[in-house]
Amino acid sequence: MSPKKLSPEQTEQLLKVLQTRFEKNMTRHKGMEWNKIQSKLEKNPEKLWSLNEMEITEGEPDIVDYDKKNDEYIFFDCSPESPKRRSLCYDYPAWEARKANKPENNVIDKASEMGIDLLTEEQYRELQKLGKFDLKTSSWVKTPTEIRELGGAIFCDRRYNTVFMYHNGADSYYAARGFRGLLRV
């Protein structure tokens, strides 16, 4: 079995979890039908594998949008707090530059390994319109090249009923900062 393909049992279990979450959070995807989504998921085993990676790191992936032009459902990590992929610096160059106390990995490589993309600041703000997320944690978001070239990276959180964007050195990492991903299916 390919390392990026779920067993039939894992597929069935994941689909049940996703369907339950879908039905519980209909305000995130008004007008969408689970049967169409499930059919599309079953035709894309590599996407199911990525959704499972989001799930096992407690990202609680759920559909937040549908791209009609490309016929794609868009999943975001919808866990109340940043998923359990934390204590990561922003990217490999930042990780490599650390002289001591290197974290286990970095956000960009971890997202790539999982087959997902990092949310942008705009997408993070869209997520926050669907609920209240990261009230105690924060999440790295895709950093514009101009900021990254100067050694920085950006992250967001929600405090005082407001979504904030901040900056840090890309080589920094914190136990309460992870990242939220997105997957198009």
Protein backbone atom coordinates (compact mmCIF):
# COMPACT_ATOMS: atom_id res chain seq x y z
CA MET A 1 0.00 0.00 0.00
CA SER A 2 1.25 3.46 -0.91
CA PRO A 3 2.27 5.56 2.07
CA LYS A 4 -0.10 8.32 0.88
CA LYS A 5 -3.19 6.18 0.61
CA LEU A 6 -5.55 5.13 3.38
CA SER A 7 -6.78 1.60 3.92
CA PRO A 8 -10.48 0.97 3.21
CA GLU A 9 -11.12 0.95 6.97
CA GLN A 10 -9.30 4.25 7.49
CA THR A 11 -11.19 5.77 4.55
CA GLU A 12 -14.54 4.68 5.94
CA GLN A 13 -13.69 6.01 9.41
CA LEU A 14 -12.44 9.36 8.07
CA LEU A 15 -15.50 9.83 5.86
CA LYS A 16 -17.75 9.25 8.88
CA VAL A 17 -15.85 11.85 10.90
CA LEU A 18 -15.96 14.38 8.05
CA GLN A 19 -19.67 13.78 7.43
CA THR A 20 -20.51 14.22 11.12
CA ARG A 21 -18.53 17.48 11.24
CA PHE A 22 -20.12 18.64 7.99
CA GLU A 23 -23.64 18.02 9.34
CA LYS A 24 -22.84 19.63 12.71
CA ASN A 25 -21.50 22.84 11.10
CA MET A 26 -23.89 23.56 8.23
CA THR A 27 -23.38 27.33 8.62
CA ARG A 28 -19.88 26.85 7.16
CA HIS A 29 -21.18 25.39 3.88
CA LYS A 30 -24.76 26.39 3.22
CA GLY A 31 -26.35 24.75 0.19
CA MET A 32 -23.73 22.02 -0.17
CA GLU A 33 -24.63 18.34 -0.26
CA TRP A 34 -22.56 15.70 1.52
CA ASN A 35 -23.19 12.98 -1.11
CA LYS A 36 -21.51 15.06 -3.85
CA ILE A 37 -18.58 15.82 -1.56
CA GLN A 38 -18.15 12.19 -0.51
CA SER A 39 -18.21 11.07 -4.14
CA LYS A 40 -15.48 13.57 -4.99
CA LEU A 41 -13.40 12.51 -1.98
CA GLU A 42 -13.65 8.83 -2.90
CA LYS A 43 -12.24 9.64 -6.35
CA ASN A 44 -9.22 11.39 -4.79
CA PRO A 45 -7.46 9.00 -2.38
CA GLU A 46 -4.39 11.24 -2.08
CA LYS A 47 -6.65 14.10 -0.92
CA LEU A 48 -8.26 11.78 1.63
CA TRP A 49 -4.77 10.96 2.89
CA SER A 50 -4.05 14.69 3.32
CA LEU A 51 -7.37 15.23 5.11
CA ASN A 52 -6.46 12.36 7.42
CA GLU A 53 -3.14 14.05 8.17
CA MET A 54 -5.08 17.21 9.06
CA GLU A 55 -7.40 15.13 11.24
CA ILE A 56 -4.72 13.21 13.16
CA THR A 57 -3.01 16.48 14.05
CA GLU A 58 -6.36 17.68 15.45
CA GLY A 59 -6.99 20.21 12.69
CA GLU A 60 -10.66 19.24 12.41
CA PRO A 61 -10.84 19.86 8.62
CA ASP A 62 -14.17 21.04 7.30
CA ILE A 63 -15.48 22.51 4.06
CA VAL A 64 -15.60 26.29 4.09
CA ASP A 65 -16.14 27.12 0.42
CA TYR A 66 -16.77 25.77 -3.07
CA ASP A 67 -14.85 27.06 -6.09
CA LYS A 68 -17.35 26.77 -8.96
CA LYS A 69 -14.83 27.71 -11.64
CA ASN A 70 -12.49 24.84 -10.74
CA ASP A 71 -15.17 22.52 -9.29
CA GLU A 72 -13.28 22.22 -6.00
CA TYR A 73 -14.39 22.00 -2.40
CA ILE A 74 -12.13 23.93 -0.04
CA PHE A 75 -11.29 22.48 3.37
CA PHE A 76 -9.69 24.54 6.17
CA ASP A 77 -8.44 23.42 9.56
CA CYS A 78 -11.41 24.44 11.74
CA SER A 79 -10.18 23.34 15.18
CA PRO A 80 -10.93 25.90 17.91
CA GLU A 81 -7.20 26.31 18.64
CA SER A 82 -4.22 25.94 16.32
CA PRO A 83 -3.78 22.27 15.36
CA LYS A 84 -1.29 20.05 17.20
CA ARG A 85 1.50 20.82 14.76
CA ARG A 86 3.23 23.44 16.82
CA SER A 87 6.69 24.50 17.96
CA LEU A 88 7.77 24.89 14.35
CA CYS A 89 9.73 27.73 12.82
CA TYR A 90 8.47 29.14 9.53
CA ASP A 91 10.60 27.49 6.82
CA TYR A 92 13.73 25.43 6.18
CA PRO A 93 16.12 28.40 5.77
CA ALA A 94 14.95 29.72 9.18
CA TRP A 95 15.28 26.25 10.72
CA GLU A 96 18.75 25.82 9.22
CA ALA A 97 19.87 29.25 10.48
CA ARG A 98 19.14 28.36 14.11
CA LYS A 99 22.38 27.68 15.94
CA ALA A 100 20.80 26.00 18.97
CA ASN A 101 17.51 24.51 20.10
CA LYS A 102 16.26 23.71 16.61
CA PRO A 103 12.60 22.69 16.51
CA GLU A 104 11.60 19.32 15.09
CA ASN A 105 10.51 20.77 11.75
CA ASN A 106 9.22 23.87 10.00
CA VAL A 107 5.78 24.94 8.82
CA ILE A 108 6.40 25.04 5.07
CA ASP A 109 7.96 21.57 4.91
CA LYS A 110 5.37 20.07 7.27
CA ALA A 111 2.49 21.45 5.18
CA SER A 112 4.13 20.12 2.02
CA GLU A 113 4.60 16.67 3.59
CA MET A 114 0.89 16.69 4.47
CA GLY A 115 -0.10 17.75 0.95
CA ILE A 116 -1.78 20.97 2.12
CA ASP A 117 -1.24 24.70 1.73
CA LEU A 118 -0.81 27.29 4.46
CA LEU A 119 -3.67 29.74 4.92
CA THR A 120 -2.96 33.28 3.78
CA GLU A 121 -3.83 36.21 6.04
CA GLU A 122 -6.95 36.83 3.94
CA GLN A 123 -8.06 33.19 4.22
CA TYR A 124 -7.41 33.27 7.97
CA ARG A 125 -9.67 36.31 8.27
CA GLU A 126 -12.34 34.49 6.23
CA LEU A 127 -12.11 31.53 8.62
CA GLN A 128 -12.66 33.90 11.55
CA LYS A 129 -15.99 34.97 10.01
CA LEU A 130 -17.19 31.38 10.52
CA GLY A 131 -16.45 31.26 14.24
CA LYS A 132 -13.94 32.21 16.91
CA PHE A 133 -10.60 30.50 16.41
CA ASP A 134 -7.18 30.79 18.11
CA LEU A 135 -8.40 32.47 21.29
CA LYS A 136 -5.43 31.00 23.21
CA THR A 137 -3.06 30.01 20.41
CA SER A 138 -1.76 31.58 17.20
CA SER A 139 -1.16 30.30 13.68
CA TRP A 140 1.59 31.02 11.17
CA VAL A 141 0.14 32.20 7.85
CA LYS A 142 1.68 32.39 4.39
CA THR A 143 4.20 35.18 4.50
CA PRO A 144 4.69 37.60 1.60
CA THR A 145 8.09 37.24 -0.09
CA GLU A 146 9.09 40.82 0.76
CA ILE A 147 8.72 40.14 4.49
CA ARG A 148 10.35 36.72 4.34
CA GLU A 149 13.38 38.07 2.44
CA LEU A 150 13.97 40.43 5.37
CA GLY A 151 13.98 37.52 7.85
CA GLY A 152 10.41 37.82 9.10
CA ALA A 153 7.25 35.76 9.00
CA ILE A 154 3.67 36.56 9.97
CA PHE A 155 1.12 34.90 12.19
CA CYS A 156 -2.43 35.62 13.31
CA ASP A 157 -4.71 35.07 16.27
CA ARG A 158 -7.96 36.34 17.74
CA ARG A 159 -7.98 38.40 20.93
CA TYR A 160 -10.49 40.93 22.28
CA ASN A 161 -12.95 39.80 19.58
CA THR A 162 -10.53 41.08 16.94
CA VAL A 163 -8.28 39.24 14.47
CA PHE A 164 -4.68 40.40 14.71
CA MET A 165 -1.74 39.88 12.39
CA TYR A 166 1.78 40.05 13.86
CA HIS A 167 5.35 39.39 12.85
CA ASN A 168 8.27 37.42 14.27
CA GLY A 169 11.63 36.27 13.09
CA ALA A 170 11.00 33.28 10.85
CA ASP A 171 13.31 31.22 13.04
CA SER A 172 11.17 31.68 16.16
CA TYR A 173 8.85 28.98 17.44
CA TYR A 174 6.44 28.64 20.33
CA ALA A 175 4.47 25.84 21.94
CA ALA A 176 1.23 27.79 21.38
CA ARG A 177 1.86 28.59 17.70
CA GLY A 178 1.06 26.16 14.93
CA PHE A 179 -0.38 26.59 11.48
CA ARG A 180 -3.69 26.12 9.72
CA GLY A 181 -3.89 24.46 6.36
CA LEU A 182 -6.17 24.33 3.39
CA LEU A 183 -6.89 21.58 0.91
CA ARG A 184 -8.73 21.80 -2.42
CA VAL A 185 -10.64 18.70 -3.51
